[in-house]
Amino acid sequence: MTSIANRNYSPSLGTRFDAYFCMLGQGIGPQHIRGARLKRAVHLDGLPDAALRQMGIARADIPSIVFRDLFTI
């Protein structure tokens, strides 16, 4: 089993996750919810900006995209 700490993702992605949960009033960013969606977020964060633009996604919006079925703002 891979630990989240062993996954390779940018510090800015972690910061965006934290900011997203703070905005929702869920400041702790529950690990059981967060971990299940981190793989998708890492994939999106690893795409070049041009690929994200083609998908209509801003890099800053990745957390809200991977959690859109749970939280809507």
PDB file of N, CA and C in Angstrom:
ATOM      1  N   MET A   1       0.846  -1.182   0.000  1.00  0.00           N
ATOM      2  CA  MET A   1       0.000   0.000   0.000  1.00  0.00           C
ATOM      3  C   MET A   1       0.886   1.238   0.000  1.00  0.00           C
ATOM      4  N   THR A   2       0.575   2.193  -0.833  1.00  0.00           N
ATOM      5  CA  THR A   2       1.349   3.417  -0.946  1.00  0.00           C
ATOM      6  C   THR A   2       0.805   4.464   0.006  1.00  0.00           C
ATOM      7  N   SER A   3       1.691   5.058   0.747  1.00  0.00           N
ATOM      8  CA  SER A   3       1.316   6.139   1.650  1.00  0.00           C
ATOM      9  C   SER A   3       1.218   7.432   0.855  1.00  0.00           C
ATOM     10  N   ILE A   4       0.316   8.305   1.260  1.00  0.00           N
ATOM     11  CA  ILE A   4       0.178   9.597   0.591  1.00  0.00           C
ATOM     12  C   ILE A   4       1.487  10.366   0.660  1.00  0.00           C
ATOM     13  N   ALA A   5       2.212  10.232   1.764  1.00  0.00           N
ATOM     14  CA  ALA A   5       3.473  10.945   1.922  1.00  0.00           C
ATOM     15  C   ALA A   5       4.504  10.499   0.893  1.00  0.00           C
ATOM     16  N   ASN A   6       4.348   9.305   0.329  1.00  0.00           N
ATOM     17  CA  ASN A   6       5.298   8.801  -0.652  1.00  0.00           C
ATOM     18  C   ASN A   6       4.916   9.142  -2.086  1.00  0.00           C
ATOM     19  N   ARG A   7       3.814   9.778  -2.287  1.00  0.00           N
ATOM     20  CA  ARG A   7       3.395  10.143  -3.639  1.00  0.00           C
ATOM     21  C   ARG A   7       4.098  11.422  -4.052  1.00  0.00           C
ATOM     22  N   ASN A   8       4.309  11.550  -5.335  1.00  0.00           N
ATOM     23  CA  ASN A   8       5.018  12.703  -5.857  1.00  0.00           C
ATOM     24  C   ASN A   8       4.022  13.724  -6.397  1.00  0.00           C
ATOM     25  N   TYR A   9       3.803  14.783  -5.655  1.00  0.00           N
ATOM     26  CA  TYR A   9       2.972  15.876  -6.146  1.00  0.00           C
ATOM     27  C   TYR A   9       3.542  17.188  -5.658  1.00  0.00           C
ATOM     28  N   SER A  10       3.232  18.243  -6.362  1.00  0.00           N
ATOM     29  CA  SER A  10       3.833  19.538  -6.078  1.00  0.00           C
ATOM     30  C   SER A  10       3.312  20.112  -4.762  1.00  0.00           C
ATOM     31  N   PRO A  11       4.172  20.841  -4.055  1.00  0.00           N
ATOM     32  CA  PRO A  11       3.714  21.501  -2.822  1.00  0.00           C
ATOM     33  C   PRO A  11       2.548  22.448  -3.080  1.00  0.00           C
ATOM     34  N   SER A  12       2.519  23.050  -4.269  1.00  0.00           N
ATOM     35  CA  SER A  12       1.418  23.978  -4.546  1.00  0.00           C
ATOM     36  C   SER A  12       0.081  23.252  -4.631  1.00  0.00           C
ATOM     37  N   LEU A  13       0.080  21.988  -5.057  1.00  0.00           N
ATOM     38  CA  LEU A  13      -1.169  21.219  -5.076  1.00  0.00           C
ATOM     39  C   LEU A  13      -1.657  20.999  -3.650  1.00  0.00           C
ATOM     40  N   GLY A  14      -0.767  20.667  -2.745  1.00  0.00           N
ATOM     41  CA  GLY A  14      -1.136  20.510  -1.338  1.00  0.00           C
ATOM     42  C   GLY A  14      -1.680  21.799  -0.752  1.00  0.00           C
ATOM     43  N   THR A  15      -1.068  22.914  -1.115  1.00  0.00           N
ATOM     44  CA  THR A  15      -1.529  24.220  -0.646  1.00  0.00           C
ATOM     45  C   THR A  15      -2.925  24.523  -1.180  1.00  0.00           C
ATOM     46  N   ARG A  16      -3.174  24.181  -2.445  1.00  0.00           N
ATOM     47  CA  ARG A  16      -4.510  24.416  -3.014  1.00  0.00           C
ATOM     48  C   ARG A  16      -5.559  23.538  -2.347  1.00  0.00           C
ATOM     49  N   PHE A  17      -5.186  22.299  -1.998  1.00  0.00           N
ATOM     50  CA  PHE A  17      -6.109  21.431  -1.259  1.00  0.00           C
ATOM     51  C   PHE A  17      -6.447  22.069   0.089  1.00  0.00           C
ATOM     52  N   ASP A  18      -5.430  22.525   0.820  1.00  0.00           N
ATOM     53  CA  ASP A  18      -5.655  23.144   2.131  1.00  0.00           C
ATOM     54  C   ASP A  18      -6.545  24.371   2.015  1.00  0.00           C
ATOM     55  N   ALA A  19      -6.271  25.224   1.037  1.00  0.00           N
ATOM     56  CA  ALA A  19      -7.074  26.435   0.854  1.00  0.00           C
ATOM     57  C   ALA A  19      -8.519  26.083   0.509  1.00  0.00           C
ATOM     58  N   TYR A  20      -8.702  25.063  -0.305  1.00  0.00           N
ATOM     59  CA  TYR A  20     -10.050  24.638  -0.690  1.00  0.00           C
ATOM     60  C   TYR A  20     -10.839  24.177   0.529  1.00  0.00           C
ATOM     61  N   PHE A  21     -10.234  23.341   1.371  1.00  0.00           N
ATOM     62  CA  PHE A  21     -10.942  22.867   2.558  1.00  0.00           C
ATOM     63  C   PHE A  21     -11.188  23.991   3.562  1.00  0.00           C
ATOM     64  N   CYS A  22     -10.266  24.932   3.677  1.00  0.00           N
ATOM     65  CA  CYS A  22     -10.487  26.079   4.569  1.00  0.00           C
ATOM     66  C   CYS A  22     -11.670  26.906   4.083  1.00  0.00           C
ATOM     67  N   MET A  23     -11.759  27.083   2.769  1.00  0.00           N
ATOM     68  CA  MET A  23     -12.865  27.843   2.199  1.00  0.00           C
ATOM     69  C   MET A  23     -14.200  27.163   2.498  1.00  0.00           C
ATOM     70  N   LEU A  24     -14.199  25.841   2.548  1.00  0.00           N
ATOM     71  CA  LEU A  24     -15.425  25.097   2.838  1.00  0.00           C
ATOM     72  C   LEU A  24     -15.733  25.029   4.331  1.00  0.00           C
ATOM     73  N   GLY A  25     -14.795  25.492   5.144  1.00  0.00           N
ATOM     74  CA  GLY A  25     -14.974  25.366   6.585  1.00  0.00           C
ATOM     75  C   GLY A  25     -14.534  24.004   7.086  1.00  0.00           C
ATOM     76  N   GLN A  26     -13.849  23.254   6.261  1.00  0.00           N
ATOM     77  CA  GLN A  26     -13.339  21.930   6.619  1.00  0.00           C
ATOM     78  C   GLN A  26     -11.819  22.026   6.743  1.00  0.00           C
ATOM     79  N   GLY A  27     -11.339  22.909   7.586  1.00  0.00           N
ATOM     80  CA  GLY A  27      -9.928  23.235   7.656  1.00  0.00           C
ATOM     81  C   GLY A  27      -8.968  22.078   7.805  1.00  0.00           C
ATOM     82  N   ILE A  28      -9.413  20.956   8.335  1.00  0.00           N
ATOM     83  CA  ILE A  28      -8.483  19.855   8.544  1.00  0.00           C
ATOM     84  C   ILE A  28      -8.263  19.026   7.287  1.00  0.00           C
ATOM     85  N   GLY A  29      -9.068  19.171   6.280  1.00  0.00           N
ATOM     86  CA  GLY A  29      -8.910  18.397   5.047  1.00  0.00           C
ATOM     87  C   GLY A  29      -8.900  16.911   5.326  1.00  0.00           C
ATOM     88  N   PRO A  30     -10.046  16.336   5.650  1.00  0.00           N
ATOM     89  CA  PRO A  30     -10.120  14.941   6.092  1.00  0.00           C
ATOM     90  C   PRO A  30      -9.351  13.986   5.188  1.00  0.00           C
ATOM     91  N   GLN A  31      -8.421  13.255   5.771  1.00  0.00           N
ATOM     92  CA  GLN A  31      -7.554  12.363   5.002  1.00  0.00           C
ATOM     93  C   GLN A  31      -8.325  11.258   4.293  1.00  0.00           C
ATOM     94  N   HIS A  32      -9.377  10.743   4.912  1.00  0.00           N
ATOM     95  CA  HIS A  32     -10.113   9.658   4.262  1.00  0.00           C
ATOM     96  C   HIS A  32     -10.819  10.133   2.992  1.00  0.00           C
ATOM     97  N   ILE A  33     -11.178  11.387   2.939  1.00  0.00           N
ATOM     98  CA  ILE A  33     -11.789  11.943   1.734  1.00  0.00           C
ATOM     99  C   ILE A  33     -10.690  12.379   0.768  1.00  0.00           C
ATOM    100  N   ARG A  34      -9.721  13.037   1.303  1.00  0.00           N
ATOM    101  CA  ARG A  34      -8.645  13.618   0.525  1.00  0.00           C
ATOM    102  C   ARG A  34      -7.817  12.566  -0.204  1.00  0.00           C
ATOM    103  N   GLY A  35      -7.441  11.519   0.502  1.00  0.00           N
ATOM    104  CA  GLY A  35      -6.575  10.495  -0.072  1.00  0.00           C
ATOM    105  C   GLY A  35      -7.191   9.787  -1.261  1.00  0.00           C
ATOM    106  N   ALA A  36      -8.483   9.572  -1.206  1.00  0.00           N
ATOM    107  CA  ALA A  36      -9.170   8.863  -2.282  1.00  0.00           C
ATOM    108  C   ALA A  36      -9.163   9.660  -3.585  1.00  0.00           C
ATOM    109  N   ARG A  37      -9.025  10.950  -3.511  1.00  0.00           N
ATOM    110  CA  ARG A  37      -9.100  11.804  -4.697  1.00  0.00           C
ATOM    111  C   ARG A  37      -7.755  12.386  -5.108  1.00  0.00           C
ATOM    112  N   LEU A  38      -6.752  12.136  -4.289  1.00  0.00           N
ATOM    113  CA  LEU A  38      -5.439  12.707  -4.561  1.00  0.00           C
ATOM    114  C   LEU A  38      -4.854  12.191  -5.873  1.00  0.00           C
ATOM    115  N   LYS A  39      -5.079  10.942  -6.198  1.00  0.00           N
ATOM    116  CA  LYS A  39      -4.542  10.378  -7.437  1.00  0.00           C
ATOM    117  C   LYS A  39      -5.044  11.159  -8.653  1.00  0.00           C
ATOM    118  N   ARG A  40      -6.329  11.471  -8.682  1.00  0.00           N
ATOM    119  CA  ARG A  40      -6.897  12.250  -9.800  1.00  0.00           C
ATOM    120  C   ARG A  40      -6.306  13.652  -9.825  1.00  0.00           C
ATOM    121  N   ALA A  41      -6.168  14.270  -8.649  1.00  0.00           N
ATOM    122  CA  ALA A  41      -5.606  15.618  -8.580  1.00  0.00           C
ATOM    123  C   ALA A  41      -4.154  15.630  -9.050  1.00  0.00           C
ATOM    124  N   VAL A  42      -3.385  14.622  -8.657  1.00  0.00           N
ATOM    125  CA  VAL A  42      -1.981  14.529  -9.073  1.00  0.00           C
ATOM    126  C   VAL A  42      -1.901  14.388 -10.592  1.00  0.00           C
ATOM    127  N   HIS A  43      -2.785  13.572 -11.153  1.00  0.00           N
ATOM    128  CA  HIS A  43      -2.805  13.407 -12.612  1.00  0.00           C
ATOM    129  C   HIS A  43      -3.070  14.746 -13.301  1.00  0.00           C
ATOM    130  N   LEU A  44      -4.097  15.445 -12.860  1.00  0.00           N
ATOM    131  CA  LEU A  44      -4.431  16.732 -13.472  1.00  0.00           C
ATOM    132  C   LEU A  44      -3.313  17.745 -13.274  1.00  0.00           C
ATOM    133  N   ASP A  45      -2.731  17.782 -12.083  1.00  0.00           N
ATOM    134  CA  ASP A  45      -1.668  18.736 -11.784  1.00  0.00           C
ATOM    135  C   ASP A  45      -0.424  18.466 -12.631  1.00  0.00           C
ATOM    136  N   GLY A  46      -0.240  17.225 -13.041  1.00  0.00           N
ATOM    137  CA  GLY A  46       0.914  16.872 -13.858  1.00  0.00           C
ATOM    138  C   GLY A  46       0.767  17.207 -15.331  1.00  0.00           C
ATOM    139  N   LEU A  47      -0.437  17.558 -15.752  1.00  0.00           N
ATOM    140  CA  LEU A  47      -0.664  17.906 -17.155  1.00  0.00           C
ATOM    141  C   LEU A  47      -0.124  19.301 -17.451  1.00  0.00           C
ATOM    142  N   PRO A  48       0.328  19.527 -18.673  1.00  0.00           N
ATOM    143  CA  PRO A  48       0.767  20.875 -19.046  1.00  0.00           C
ATOM    144  C   PRO A  48      -0.419  21.842 -19.072  1.00  0.00           C
ATOM    145  N   ASP A  49      -0.116  23.116 -18.911  1.00  0.00           N
ATOM    146  CA  ASP A  49      -1.168  24.137 -18.908  1.00  0.00           C
ATOM    147  C   ASP A  49      -2.030  24.078 -20.166  1.00  0.00           C
ATOM    148  N   ALA A  50      -1.406  23.818 -21.310  1.00  0.00           N
ATOM    149  CA  ALA A  50      -2.166  23.760 -22.568  1.00  0.00           C
ATOM    150  C   ALA A  50      -3.207  22.642 -22.533  1.00  0.00           C
ATOM    151  N   ALA A  51      -2.854  21.501 -21.969  1.00  0.00           N
ATOM    152  CA  ALA A  51      -3.806  20.384 -21.875  1.00  0.00           C
ATOM    153  C   ALA A  51      -4.954  20.733 -20.934  1.00  0.00           C
ATOM    154  N   LEU A  52      -4.637  21.390 -19.826  1.00  0.00           N
ATOM    155  CA  LEU A  52      -5.695  21.808 -18.896  1.00  0.00           C
ATOM    156  C   LEU A  52      -6.629  22.812 -19.573  1.00  0.00           C
ATOM    157  N   ARG A  53      -6.055  23.754 -20.320  1.00  0.00           N
ATOM    158  CA  ARG A  53      -6.888  24.740 -21.030  1.00  0.00           C
ATOM    159  C   ARG A  53      -7.826  24.056 -22.012  1.00  0.00           C
ATOM    160  N   GLN A  54      -7.331  23.038 -22.720  1.00  0.00           N
ATOM    161  CA  GLN A  54      -8.182  22.308 -23.668  1.00  0.00           C
ATOM    162  C   GLN A  54      -9.346  21.630 -22.960  1.00  0.00           C
ATOM    163  N   MET A  55      -9.133  21.244 -21.709  1.00  0.00           N
ATOM    164  CA  MET A  55     -10.183  20.595 -20.924  1.00  0.00           C
ATOM    165  C   MET A  55     -11.080  21.619 -20.238  1.00  0.00           C
ATOM    166  N   GLY A  56     -10.722  22.905 -20.336  1.00  0.00           N
ATOM    167  CA  GLY A  56     -11.494  23.952 -19.681  1.00  0.00           C
ATOM    168  C   GLY A  56     -11.239  24.024 -18.188  1.00  0.00           C
ATOM    169  N   ILE A  57     -10.034  23.619 -17.775  1.00  0.00           N
ATOM    170  CA  ILE A  57      -9.685  23.566 -16.355  1.00  0.00           C
ATOM    171  C   ILE A  57      -8.555  24.540 -16.060  1.00  0.00           C
ATOM    172  N   ALA A  58      -8.718  25.336 -15.020  1.00  0.00           N
ATOM    173  CA  ALA A  58      -7.626  26.165 -14.510  1.00  0.00           C
ATOM    174  C   ALA A  58      -6.924  25.370 -13.414  1.00  0.00           C
ATOM    175  N   ARG A  59      -5.609  25.447 -13.375  1.00  0.00           N
ATOM    176  CA  ARG A  59      -4.842  24.692 -12.381  1.00  0.00           C
ATOM    177  C   ARG A  59      -5.337  24.984 -10.959  1.00  0.00           C
ATOM    178  N   ALA A  60      -5.686  26.223 -10.694  1.00  0.00           N
ATOM    179  CA  ALA A  60      -6.162  26.604  -9.359  1.00  0.00           C
ATOM    180  C   ALA A  60      -7.480  25.927  -8.996  1.00  0.00           C
ATOM    181  N   ASP A  61      -8.216  25.453  -9.992  1.00  0.00           N
ATOM    182  CA  ASP A  61      -9.526  24.838  -9.752  1.00  0.00           C
ATOM    183  C   ASP A  61      -9.475  23.326  -9.570  1.00  0.00           C
ATOM    184  N   ILE A  62      -8.297  22.732  -9.613  1.00  0.00           N
ATOM    185  CA  ILE A  62      -8.191  21.275  -9.509  1.00  0.00           C
ATOM    186  C   ILE A  62      -8.868  20.733  -8.245  1.00  0.00           C
ATOM    187  N   PRO A  63      -8.638  21.296  -7.056  1.00  0.00           N
ATOM    188  CA  PRO A  63      -9.325  20.748  -5.873  1.00  0.00           C
ATOM    189  C   PRO A  63     -10.847  20.771  -6.005  1.00  0.00           C
ATOM    190  N   SER A  64     -11.402  21.867  -6.493  1.00  0.00           N
ATOM    191  CA  SER A  64     -12.865  21.925  -6.612  1.00  0.00           C
ATOM    192  C   SER A  64     -13.375  20.949  -7.665  1.00  0.00           C
ATOM    193  N   ILE A  65     -12.567  20.639  -8.658  1.00  0.00           N
ATOM    194  CA  ILE A  65     -12.978  19.680  -9.686  1.00  0.00           C
ATOM    195  C   ILE A  65     -12.997  18.264  -9.131  1.00  0.00           C
ATOM    196  N   VAL A  66     -11.976  17.880  -8.381  1.00  0.00           N
ATOM    197  CA  VAL A  66     -11.933  16.502  -7.885  1.00  0.00           C
ATOM    198  C   VAL A  66     -12.918  16.262  -6.740  1.00  0.00           C
ATOM    199  N   PHE A  67     -13.416  17.336  -6.118  1.00  0.00           N
ATOM    200  CA  PHE A  67     -14.391  17.195  -5.032  1.00  0.00           C
ATOM    201  C   PHE A  67     -15.777  17.691  -5.420  1.00  0.00           C
ATOM    202  N   ARG A  68     -16.008  17.960  -6.692  1.00  0.00           N
ATOM    203  CA  ARG A  68     -17.274  18.591  -7.094  1.00  0.00           C
ATOM    204  C   ARG A  68     -18.506  17.761  -6.775  1.00  0.00           C
ATOM    205  N   ASP A  69     -18.363  16.446  -6.693  1.00  0.00           N
ATOM    206  CA  ASP A  69     -19.533  15.623  -6.373  1.00  0.00           C
ATOM    207  C   ASP A  69     -19.874  15.659  -4.884  1.00  0.00           C
ATOM    208  N   LEU A  70     -18.933  16.109  -4.053  1.00  0.00           N
ATOM    209  CA  LEU A  70     -19.180  16.182  -2.608  1.00  0.00           C
ATOM    210  C   LEU A  70     -19.504  17.588  -2.130  1.00  0.00           C
ATOM    211  N   PHE A  71     -18.838  18.574  -2.722  1.00  0.00           N
ATOM    212  CA  PHE A  71     -18.977  19.957  -2.272  1.00  0.00           C
ATOM    213  C   PHE A  71     -19.246  20.846  -3.475  1.00  0.00           C
ATOM    214  N   THR A  72     -20.191  21.745  -3.329  1.00  0.00           N
ATOM    215  CA  THR A  72     -20.470  22.710  -4.383  1.00  0.00           C
ATOM    216  C   THR A  72     -20.482  24.095  -3.784  1.00  0.00           C
ATOM    217  N   ILE A  73     -19.831  25.005  -4.460  1.00  0.00           N
ATOM    218  CA  ILE A  73     -19.787  26.389  -3.969  1.00  0.00           C
ATOM    219  C   ILE A  73     -20.377  27.289  -5.026  1.00  0.00           C
TER     220      ILE A  73
END
